[in-house]
Amino acid sequence: MLFKNRLEIWNPGQLPYGLTIEMLKTEHPSRPANPLLARPMYLYGSIEQVGTGTEMIVEKCIARGLRSPDFKQDTDFVTTFWRNGESENKKDTEKDTEKDTEKITKAQKIILQEISNNEFITIPELSGKIQINIRNTKENIAKLKAKGLLERIGPDKGGHWKVILKTETR
């Protein structure tokens, strides 16, 4: 998700057991989710040194005069990269997020309405209802999730949607 002051990269995964957010910015042990895939990729040269990715990202951001990225583990794992010159004041960031939440497109309003009517609706069905392609439907869903207005409960197959009302607390 690209915002005025930041770029957020969302991953549905979880940090490996024993690894904390604080550890990501310093030297830490590597705990690949699938060591059977990580080892051959390392030997083949597809990946560099195991366990140095987040530390390298932090170093490169700082070397370019950017604020250190933020890592957050919630339902999803989120990495936030800050634009140069943006305020580090958390209240400013919260205000920007509130503004982003207030602005939703017509397509996003329809998505929320359709999901309110049928929490088991599929992305292709939503795409047909709002008459935009599946890729754009997925992008709109991602934006609604980032704004805290929509949540996916369970897996893609067999799960369902939940519309989050602004008055709800998480």
N, C-alpha and C. Protein backbone atom coordinates (compact mmCIF):
# COMPACT_ATOMS: atom_id res chain seq x y z
N MET A 1 0.85 -1.16 0.00
CA MET A 1 0.00 0.00 0.00
C MET A 1 0.90 1.23 0.00
N LEU A 2 0.64 2.13 -0.94
CA LEU A 2 1.44 3.34 -1.04
C LEU A 2 0.63 4.51 -0.52
N PHE A 3 1.16 5.18 0.49
CA PHE A 3 0.54 6.35 1.10
C PHE A 3 1.40 7.57 0.82
N LYS A 4 0.91 8.72 1.18
CA LYS A 4 1.64 9.97 0.96
C LYS A 4 2.99 9.95 1.68
N ASN A 5 3.03 9.38 2.87
CA ASN A 5 4.25 9.45 3.68
C ASN A 5 4.97 8.12 3.87
N ARG A 6 4.43 7.03 3.29
CA ARG A 6 5.04 5.73 3.56
C ARG A 6 4.61 4.68 2.54
N LEU A 7 5.36 3.59 2.53
CA LEU A 7 5.02 2.40 1.75
C LEU A 7 4.89 1.27 2.75
N GLU A 8 3.75 0.56 2.70
CA GLU A 8 3.53 -0.57 3.60
C GLU A 8 3.49 -1.85 2.77
N ILE A 9 4.26 -2.83 3.19
CA ILE A 9 4.26 -4.13 2.52
C ILE A 9 3.67 -5.13 3.50
N TRP A 10 2.58 -5.76 3.08
CA TRP A 10 1.84 -6.69 3.93
C TRP A 10 2.12 -8.12 3.50
N ASN A 11 2.33 -8.99 4.47
CA ASN A 11 2.56 -10.40 4.21
C ASN A 11 1.67 -11.19 5.17
N PRO A 12 0.90 -12.13 4.66
CA PRO A 12 0.00 -12.87 5.55
C PRO A 12 0.72 -13.81 6.52
N GLY A 13 2.03 -13.87 6.46
CA GLY A 13 2.77 -14.79 7.31
C GLY A 13 3.01 -14.27 8.72
N GLN A 14 3.58 -15.12 9.54
CA GLN A 14 3.91 -14.81 10.93
C GLN A 14 5.43 -14.93 11.09
N LEU A 15 5.97 -14.21 12.06
CA LEU A 15 7.38 -14.37 12.38
C LEU A 15 7.61 -15.78 12.91
N PRO A 16 8.76 -16.36 12.59
CA PRO A 16 9.06 -17.69 13.13
C PRO A 16 9.12 -17.67 14.65
N TYR A 17 8.82 -18.79 15.25
CA TYR A 17 8.81 -18.94 16.71
C TYR A 17 10.15 -18.47 17.27
N GLY A 18 10.08 -17.63 18.30
CA GLY A 18 11.29 -17.17 18.98
C GLY A 18 11.88 -15.90 18.40
N LEU A 19 11.43 -15.46 17.25
CA LEU A 19 11.94 -14.24 16.63
C LEU A 19 10.99 -13.10 16.95
N THR A 20 11.55 -11.98 17.47
CA THR A 20 10.72 -10.84 17.84
C THR A 20 10.96 -9.67 16.90
N ILE A 21 10.06 -8.71 16.92
CA ILE A 21 10.19 -7.50 16.10
C ILE A 21 11.51 -6.80 16.42
N GLU A 22 11.86 -6.70 17.70
CA GLU A 22 13.08 -6.02 18.11
C GLU A 22 14.32 -6.69 17.52
N MET A 23 14.30 -8.00 17.38
CA MET A 23 15.45 -8.74 16.86
C MET A 23 15.67 -8.47 15.38
N LEU A 24 14.65 -8.06 14.65
CA LEU A 24 14.77 -7.88 13.21
C LEU A 24 15.75 -6.78 12.80
N LYS A 25 15.95 -5.79 13.66
CA LYS A 25 16.81 -4.66 13.32
C LYS A 25 18.26 -4.88 13.72
N THR A 26 18.55 -6.00 14.33
CA THR A 26 19.92 -6.32 14.75
C THR A 26 20.28 -7.71 14.22
N GLU A 27 21.51 -8.09 14.45
CA GLU A 27 21.94 -9.43 14.03
C GLU A 27 21.10 -10.46 14.79
N HIS A 28 20.54 -11.40 14.05
CA HIS A 28 19.66 -12.39 14.67
C HIS A 28 19.78 -13.72 13.92
N PRO A 29 19.40 -14.80 14.59
CA PRO A 29 19.46 -16.11 13.93
C PRO A 29 18.38 -16.21 12.85
N SER A 30 18.69 -16.97 11.83
CA SER A 30 17.72 -17.19 10.76
C SER A 30 16.88 -18.41 11.11
N ARG A 31 15.58 -18.24 10.93
CA ARG A 31 14.67 -19.35 11.15
C ARG A 31 13.72 -19.41 9.96
N PRO A 32 14.21 -19.92 8.82
CA PRO A 32 13.35 -19.96 7.64
C PRO A 32 12.09 -20.79 7.90
N ALA A 33 10.99 -20.34 7.32
CA ALA A 33 9.73 -21.06 7.47
C ALA A 33 9.84 -22.46 6.87
N ASN A 34 10.60 -22.57 5.79
CA ASN A 34 10.78 -23.87 5.16
C ASN A 34 12.27 -24.09 4.87
N PRO A 35 13.01 -24.66 5.84
CA PRO A 35 14.45 -24.87 5.65
C PRO A 35 14.78 -25.76 4.45
N LEU A 36 13.85 -26.65 4.08
CA LEU A 36 14.11 -27.52 2.93
C LEU A 36 14.16 -26.73 1.63
N LEU A 37 13.50 -25.59 1.58
CA LEU A 37 13.58 -24.71 0.40
C LEU A 37 14.71 -23.70 0.54
N ALA A 38 14.92 -23.19 1.75
CA ALA A 38 15.92 -22.14 1.96
C ALA A 38 17.34 -22.64 1.67
N ARG A 39 17.68 -23.81 2.10
CA ARG A 39 19.05 -24.33 1.93
C ARG A 39 19.45 -24.44 0.46
N PRO A 40 18.66 -25.11 -0.40
CA PRO A 40 19.07 -25.20 -1.81
C PRO A 40 19.08 -23.82 -2.49
N MET A 41 18.19 -22.93 -2.10
CA MET A 41 18.19 -21.59 -2.69
C MET A 41 19.48 -20.85 -2.33
N TYR A 42 19.94 -21.03 -1.10
CA TYR A 42 21.20 -20.42 -0.66
C TYR A 42 22.36 -21.03 -1.43
N LEU A 43 22.40 -22.35 -1.54
CA LEU A 43 23.50 -23.03 -2.25
C LEU A 43 23.52 -22.67 -3.73
N TYR A 44 22.36 -22.48 -4.31
CA TYR A 44 22.25 -22.12 -5.73
C TYR A 44 22.62 -20.66 -5.98
N GLY A 45 22.55 -19.84 -4.93
CA GLY A 45 22.89 -18.42 -5.07
C GLY A 45 21.68 -17.53 -5.27
N SER A 46 20.48 -18.09 -5.12
CA SER A 46 19.26 -17.29 -5.28
C SER A 46 19.05 -16.33 -4.13
N ILE A 47 19.56 -16.69 -2.96
CA ILE A 47 19.49 -15.80 -1.81
C ILE A 47 20.90 -15.63 -1.27
N GLU A 48 21.11 -14.49 -0.60
CA GLU A 48 22.43 -14.22 -0.04
C GLU A 48 22.58 -14.96 1.27
N GLN A 49 23.17 -14.30 2.22
CA GLN A 49 23.40 -14.91 3.52
C GLN A 49 22.08 -15.00 4.28
N VAL A 50 21.76 -16.13 4.80
CA VAL A 50 20.52 -16.36 5.52
C VAL A 50 20.54 -15.56 6.82
N GLY A 51 19.43 -14.87 7.12
CA GLY A 51 19.31 -14.15 8.37
C GLY A 51 19.80 -12.71 8.35
N THR A 52 20.13 -12.17 7.19
CA THR A 52 20.65 -10.80 7.13
C THR A 52 19.73 -9.83 6.42
N GLY A 53 18.61 -10.29 5.92
CA GLY A 53 17.73 -9.46 5.10
C GLY A 53 17.20 -8.22 5.78
N THR A 54 16.57 -8.38 6.94
CA THR A 54 15.97 -7.22 7.61
C THR A 54 17.04 -6.27 8.11
N GLU A 55 18.14 -6.82 8.60
CA GLU A 55 19.24 -5.98 9.08
C GLU A 55 19.81 -5.14 7.92
N MET A 56 19.95 -5.77 6.76
CA MET A 56 20.46 -5.07 5.57
C MET A 56 19.48 -3.98 5.12
N ILE A 57 18.19 -4.27 5.19
CA ILE A 57 17.17 -3.28 4.81
C ILE A 57 17.28 -2.04 5.70
N VAL A 58 17.42 -2.25 7.00
CA VAL A 58 17.54 -1.14 7.95
C VAL A 58 18.78 -0.32 7.63
N GLU A 59 19.92 -1.00 7.43
CA GLU A 59 21.18 -0.30 7.13
C GLU A 59 21.07 0.52 5.85
N LYS A 60 20.46 -0.05 4.80
CA LYS A 60 20.36 0.66 3.52
C LYS A 60 19.44 1.88 3.62
N CYS A 61 18.35 1.77 4.39
CA CYS A 61 17.46 2.92 4.58
C CYS A 61 18.20 4.05 5.28
N ILE A 62 18.90 3.72 6.35
CA ILE A 62 19.62 4.73 7.12
C ILE A 62 20.74 5.34 6.27
N ALA A 63 21.45 4.50 5.50
CA ALA A 63 22.53 5.00 4.64
C ALA A 63 22.01 5.99 3.60
N ARG A 64 20.76 5.87 3.21
CA ARG A 64 20.17 6.78 2.23
C ARG A 64 19.44 7.95 2.89
N GLY A 65 19.63 8.08 4.20
CA GLY A 65 19.04 9.21 4.92
C GLY A 65 17.57 9.04 5.23
N LEU A 66 17.08 7.82 5.14
CA LEU A 66 15.68 7.55 5.45
C LEU A 66 15.54 7.09 6.89
N ARG A 67 14.36 7.24 7.41
CA ARG A 67 14.03 6.73 8.73
C ARG A 67 14.09 5.20 8.69
N SER A 68 14.48 4.59 9.78
CA SER A 68 14.51 3.14 9.87
C SER A 68 13.10 2.58 9.65
N PRO A 69 12.96 1.52 8.86
CA PRO A 69 11.61 0.98 8.63
C PRO A 69 11.03 0.40 9.91
N ASP A 70 9.71 0.36 9.95
CA ASP A 70 9.00 -0.23 11.08
C ASP A 70 8.52 -1.61 10.69
N PHE A 71 8.59 -2.53 11.64
CA PHE A 71 8.07 -3.88 11.45
C PHE A 71 6.96 -4.07 12.47
N LYS A 72 5.85 -4.67 12.03
CA LYS A 72 4.72 -4.89 12.93
C LYS A 72 4.11 -6.26 12.65
N GLN A 73 3.85 -7.01 13.71
CA GLN A 73 3.19 -8.31 13.57
C GLN A 73 1.80 -8.20 14.17
N ASP A 74 0.80 -8.34 13.34
CA ASP A 74 -0.58 -8.34 13.79
C ASP A 74 -1.17 -9.59 13.16
N THR A 75 -2.33 -9.50 12.56
CA THR A 75 -2.86 -10.62 11.80
C THR A 75 -1.90 -10.94 10.66
N ASP A 76 -1.37 -9.87 10.04
CA ASP A 76 -0.37 -9.99 8.99
C ASP A 76 0.94 -9.39 9.50
N PHE A 77 2.03 -9.67 8.78
CA PHE A 77 3.31 -9.03 9.08
C PHE A 77 3.41 -7.83 8.15
N VAL A 78 3.70 -6.65 8.73
CA VAL A 78 3.74 -5.41 7.95
C VAL A 78 5.10 -4.74 8.10
N THR A 79 5.71 -4.39 6.97
CA THR A 79 6.92 -3.59 6.96
C THR A 79 6.56 -2.23 6.40
N THR A 80 6.92 -1.16 7.14
CA THR A 80 6.61 0.20 6.71
C THR A 80 7.90 0.93 6.40
N PHE A 81 8.01 1.43 5.16
CA PHE A 81 9.13 2.25 4.73
C PHE A 81 8.65 3.70 4.69
N TRP A 82 9.41 4.58 5.32
CA TRP A 82 9.03 6.00 5.42
C TRP A 82 9.69 6.81 4.33
N ARG A 83 8.95 7.74 3.76
CA ARG A 83 9.53 8.64 2.76
C ARG A 83 10.48 9.61 3.43
N ASN A 84 11.42 10.11 2.67
CA ASN A 84 12.41 11.06 3.17
C ASN A 84 11.74 12.35 3.61
N GLY A 85 12.15 12.87 4.78
CA GLY A 85 11.66 14.15 5.25
C GLY A 85 10.32 14.08 5.95
N GLU A 86 9.72 12.90 6.07
CA GLU A 86 8.43 12.80 6.73
C GLU A 86 8.61 12.80 8.24
N SER A 87 7.61 13.27 8.91
CA SER A 87 7.65 13.40 10.36
C SER A 87 7.72 12.03 11.02
N GLU A 88 8.50 11.96 12.07
CA GLU A 88 8.55 10.74 12.85
C GLU A 88 7.53 10.78 13.97
N ASN A 89 6.76 11.85 14.01
CA ASN A 89 5.75 12.00 15.05
C ASN A 89 4.62 11.02 14.81
N LYS A 90 4.37 10.14 15.75
CA LYS A 90 3.37 9.10 15.60
C LYS A 90 1.97 9.68 15.42
N LYS A 91 1.70 10.84 16.07
CA LYS A 91 0.39 11.46 15.94
C LYS A 91 0.14 11.89 14.50
N ASP A 92 1.19 12.40 13.81
CA ASP A 92 1.04 12.79 12.41
C ASP A 92 0.69 11.57 11.57
N THR A 93 1.34 10.46 11.84
CA THR A 93 1.07 9.23 11.09
C THR A 93 -0.36 8.76 11.35
N GLU A 94 -0.81 8.84 12.61
CA GLU A 94 -2.17 8.43 12.93
C GLU A 94 -3.19 9.32 12.22
N LYS A 95 -2.90 10.64 12.13
CA LYS A 95 -3.80 11.55 11.43
C LYS A 95 -3.87 11.18 9.96
N ASP A 96 -2.71 10.88 9.34
CA ASP A 96 -2.70 10.48 7.93
C ASP A 96 -3.51 9.21 7.74
N THR A 97 -3.38 8.25 8.66
CA THR A 97 -4.13 7.01 8.56
C THR A 97 -5.63 7.28 8.68
N GLU A 98 -6.01 8.19 9.59
CA GLU A 98 -7.42 8.53 9.72
C GLU A 98 -7.95 9.14 8.43
N LYS A 99 -7.16 10.03 7.81
CA LYS A 99 -7.57 10.64 6.55
C LYS A 99 -7.73 9.57 5.48
N ASP A 100 -6.77 8.63 5.42
CA ASP A 100 -6.84 7.56 4.43
C ASP A 100 -8.09 6.71 4.63
N THR A 101 -8.46 6.47 5.91
CA THR A 101 -9.62 5.65 6.22
C THR A 101 -10.90 6.33 5.76
N GLU A 102 -10.96 7.66 5.87
CA GLU A 102 -12.16 8.37 5.50
C GLU A 102 -12.41 8.37 4.00
N LYS A 103 -11.35 8.29 3.21
CA LYS A 103 -11.47 8.36 1.76
C LYS A 103 -11.60 6.95 1.18
N ILE A 104 -12.80 6.58 0.81
CA ILE A 104 -12.96 5.31 0.12
C ILE A 104 -13.69 5.58 -1.19
N THR A 105 -13.33 4.80 -2.19
CA THR A 105 -13.89 4.99 -3.52
C THR A 105 -15.27 4.37 -3.63
N LYS A 106 -15.94 4.66 -4.72
CA LYS A 106 -17.26 4.09 -4.98
C LYS A 106 -17.16 2.56 -5.03
N ALA A 107 -16.12 2.06 -5.71
CA ALA A 107 -15.93 0.60 -5.81
C ALA A 107 -15.75 -0.01 -4.42
N GLN A 108 -14.98 0.66 -3.55
CA GLN A 108 -14.75 0.16 -2.21
C GLN A 108 -16.04 0.17 -1.38
N LYS A 109 -16.87 1.19 -1.58
CA LYS A 109 -18.16 1.25 -0.88
C LYS A 109 -19.04 0.07 -1.30
N ILE A 110 -19.02 -0.23 -2.61
CA ILE A 110 -19.81 -1.36 -3.12
C ILE A 110 -19.29 -2.67 -2.53
N ILE A 111 -17.96 -2.81 -2.47
CA ILE A 111 -17.35 -4.02 -1.91
C ILE A 111 -17.83 -4.21 -0.46
N LEU A 112 -17.76 -3.15 0.33
CA LEU A 112 -18.21 -3.24 1.73
C LEU A 112 -19.69 -3.60 1.82
N GLN A 113 -20.50 -3.01 0.95
CA GLN A 113 -21.94 -3.29 0.96
C GLN A 113 -22.21 -4.75 0.58
N GLU A 114 -21.56 -5.21 -0.48
CA GLU A 114 -21.76 -6.59 -0.93
C GLU A 114 -21.30 -7.59 0.12
N ILE A 115 -20.19 -7.29 0.79
CA ILE A 115 -19.70 -8.19 1.83
C ILE A 115 -20.62 -8.16 3.04
N SER A 116 -21.20 -6.98 3.33
CA SER A 116 -22.18 -6.89 4.42
C SER A 116 -23.39 -7.78 4.13
N ASN A 117 -23.75 -7.87 2.84
CA ASN A 117 -24.89 -8.69 2.44
C ASN A 117 -24.55 -10.18 2.40
N ASN A 118 -23.28 -10.50 2.09
CA ASN A 118 -22.87 -11.90 1.95
C ASN A 118 -21.40 -12.03 2.33
N GLU A 119 -21.13 -12.46 3.57
CA GLU A 119 -19.74 -12.54 4.04
C GLU A 119 -18.93 -13.64 3.36
N PHE A 120 -19.60 -14.51 2.60
CA PHE A 120 -18.91 -15.59 1.91
C PHE A 120 -18.70 -15.30 0.42
N ILE A 121 -18.97 -14.06 -0.01
CA ILE A 121 -18.84 -13.70 -1.42
C ILE A 121 -17.38 -13.86 -1.86
N THR A 122 -17.19 -14.30 -3.09
CA THR A 122 -15.85 -14.52 -3.62
C THR A 122 -15.36 -13.26 -4.34
N ILE A 123 -14.05 -13.21 -4.56
CA ILE A 123 -13.48 -12.07 -5.28
C ILE A 123 -14.01 -12.00 -6.71
N PRO A 124 -14.11 -13.12 -7.44
CA PRO A 124 -14.70 -13.03 -8.78
C PRO A 124 -16.14 -12.52 -8.77
N GLU A 125 -16.91 -12.93 -7.76
CA GLU A 125 -18.29 -12.43 -7.65
C GLU A 125 -18.30 -10.93 -7.38
N LEU A 126 -17.42 -10.47 -6.49
CA LEU A 126 -17.31 -9.03 -6.22
C LEU A 126 -16.90 -8.28 -7.48
N SER A 127 -15.95 -8.84 -8.20
CA SER A 127 -15.48 -8.22 -9.44
C SER A 127 -16.63 -8.00 -10.41
N GLY A 128 -17.49 -9.00 -10.54
CA GLY A 128 -18.65 -8.89 -11.42
C GLY A 128 -19.65 -7.85 -10.94
N LYS A 129 -19.84 -7.78 -9.63
CA LYS A 129 -20.81 -6.82 -9.08
C LYS A 129 -20.37 -5.38 -9.26
N ILE A 130 -19.07 -5.13 -9.12
CA ILE A 130 -18.59 -3.75 -9.24
C ILE A 130 -18.05 -3.44 -10.64
N GLN A 131 -18.05 -4.47 -11.47
CA GLN A 131 -17.67 -4.34 -12.88
C GLN A 131 -16.25 -3.79 -13.08
N ILE A 132 -15.31 -4.34 -12.29
CA ILE A 132 -13.89 -4.07 -12.50
C ILE A 132 -13.17 -5.41 -12.49
N ASN A 133 -11.95 -5.45 -13.04
CA ASN A 133 -11.27 -6.74 -13.14
C ASN A 133 -10.84 -7.26 -11.76
N ILE A 134 -10.49 -8.52 -11.72
CA ILE A 134 -10.15 -9.19 -10.46
C ILE A 134 -8.94 -8.55 -9.79
N ARG A 135 -7.94 -8.19 -10.58
CA ARG A 135 -6.74 -7.56 -10.02
C ARG A 135 -7.10 -6.28 -9.27
N ASN A 136 -7.92 -5.43 -9.90
CA ASN A 136 -8.33 -4.17 -9.26
C ASN A 136 -9.23 -4.43 -8.06
N THR A 137 -10.03 -5.46 -8.14
CA THR A 137 -10.87 -5.83 -6.99
C THR A 137 -9.98 -6.22 -5.82
N LYS A 138 -8.94 -7.02 -6.07
CA LYS A 138 -8.01 -7.42 -5.01
C LYS A 138 -7.29 -6.20 -4.44
N GLU A 139 -6.90 -5.25 -5.30
CA GLU A 139 -6.22 -4.03 -4.82
C GLU A 139 -7.15 -3.23 -3.91
N ASN A 140 -8.42 -3.11 -4.29
CA ASN A 140 -9.38 -2.39 -3.47
C ASN A 140 -9.60 -3.09 -2.13
N ILE A 141 -9.64 -4.40 -2.15
CA ILE A 141 -9.79 -5.16 -0.90
C ILE A 141 -8.57 -4.93 -0.01
N ALA A 142 -7.37 -4.95 -0.60
CA ALA A 142 -6.15 -4.70 0.17
C ALA A 142 -6.18 -3.31 0.81
N LYS A 143 -6.67 -2.33 0.08
CA LYS A 143 -6.76 -0.96 0.62
C LYS A 143 -7.76 -0.91 1.78
N LEU A 144 -8.88 -1.59 1.62
CA LEU A 144 -9.88 -1.62 2.71
C LEU A 144 -9.32 -2.32 3.95
N LYS A 145 -8.55 -3.38 3.73
CA LYS A 145 -7.92 -4.07 4.86
C LYS A 145 -6.90 -3.16 5.54
N ALA A 146 -6.11 -2.43 4.73
CA ALA A 146 -5.10 -1.53 5.28
C ALA A 146 -5.74 -0.40 6.07
N LYS A 147 -6.93 0.01 5.67
CA LYS A 147 -7.64 1.08 6.36
C LYS A 147 -8.39 0.57 7.58
N GLY A 148 -8.32 -0.74 7.80
CA GLY A 148 -8.97 -1.32 8.97
C GLY A 148 -10.48 -1.45 8.83
N LEU A 149 -10.97 -1.45 7.59
CA LEU A 149 -12.41 -1.53 7.35
C LEU A 149 -12.87 -2.93 6.97
N LEU A 150 -11.92 -3.80 6.65
CA LEU A 150 -12.27 -5.13 6.18
C LEU A 150 -11.25 -6.13 6.71
N GLU A 151 -11.73 -7.30 7.04
CA GLU A 151 -10.85 -8.34 7.57
C GLU A 151 -11.25 -9.68 6.96
N ARG A 152 -10.26 -10.50 6.69
CA ARG A 152 -10.52 -11.86 6.20
C ARG A 152 -10.39 -12.79 7.39
N ILE A 153 -11.42 -13.58 7.64
CA ILE A 153 -11.42 -14.55 8.73
C ILE A 153 -11.25 -15.92 8.10
N GLY A 154 -10.17 -16.60 8.45
CA GLY A 154 -9.93 -17.94 7.91
C GLY A 154 -9.23 -17.89 6.56
N PRO A 155 -9.09 -19.06 5.94
CA PRO A 155 -8.35 -19.17 4.68
C PRO A 155 -9.15 -18.64 3.49
N ASP A 156 -8.47 -18.52 2.35
CA ASP A 156 -9.14 -18.07 1.12
C ASP A 156 -10.32 -18.98 0.78
N LYS A 157 -10.10 -20.26 0.90
CA LYS A 157 -11.18 -21.21 0.64
C LYS A 157 -11.72 -21.68 1.99
N GLY A 158 -12.99 -21.40 2.23
CA GLY A 158 -13.61 -21.82 3.48
C GLY A 158 -13.71 -20.72 4.52
N GLY A 159 -13.04 -19.60 4.28
CA GLY A 159 -13.12 -18.48 5.22
C GLY A 159 -14.25 -17.54 4.85
N HIS A 160 -14.28 -16.39 5.51
CA HIS A 160 -15.30 -15.39 5.19
C HIS A 160 -14.77 -13.99 5.50
N TRP A 161 -15.51 -13.00 5.05
CA TRP A 161 -15.15 -11.60 5.24
C TRP A 161 -15.84 -11.03 6.47
N LYS A 162 -15.23 -9.99 7.04
CA LYS A 162 -15.86 -9.26 8.14
C LYS A 162 -15.65 -7.78 7.89
N VAL A 163 -16.75 -7.03 7.81
CA VAL A 163 -16.68 -5.58 7.67
C VAL A 163 -16.51 -5.02 9.07
N ILE A 164 -15.50 -4.16 9.25
CA ILE A 164 -15.21 -3.55 10.54
C ILE A 164 -15.84 -2.17 10.57
N LEU A 165 -16.73 -1.96 11.52
CA LEU A 165 -17.35 -0.67 11.69
C LEU A 165 -16.38 0.27 12.38
N LYS A 166 -16.42 1.56 12.06
CA LYS A 166 -15.48 2.52 12.66
C LYS A 166 -15.60 2.57 14.17
N THR A 167 -16.74 2.22 14.72
CA THR A 167 -16.94 2.27 16.18
C THR A 167 -16.40 1.04 16.87
N GLU A 168 -16.06 -0.01 16.09
CA GLU A 168 -15.52 -1.24 16.70
C GLU A 168 -14.10 -1.01 17.17
N THR A 169 -13.73 -1.64 18.26
CA THR A 169 -12.35 -1.59 18.72
C THR A 169 -11.75 -2.97 18.53
N ARG A 170 -10.46 -2.97 18.21
CA ARG A 170 -9.79 -4.24 17.99
C ARG A 170 -9.00 -4.63 19.21
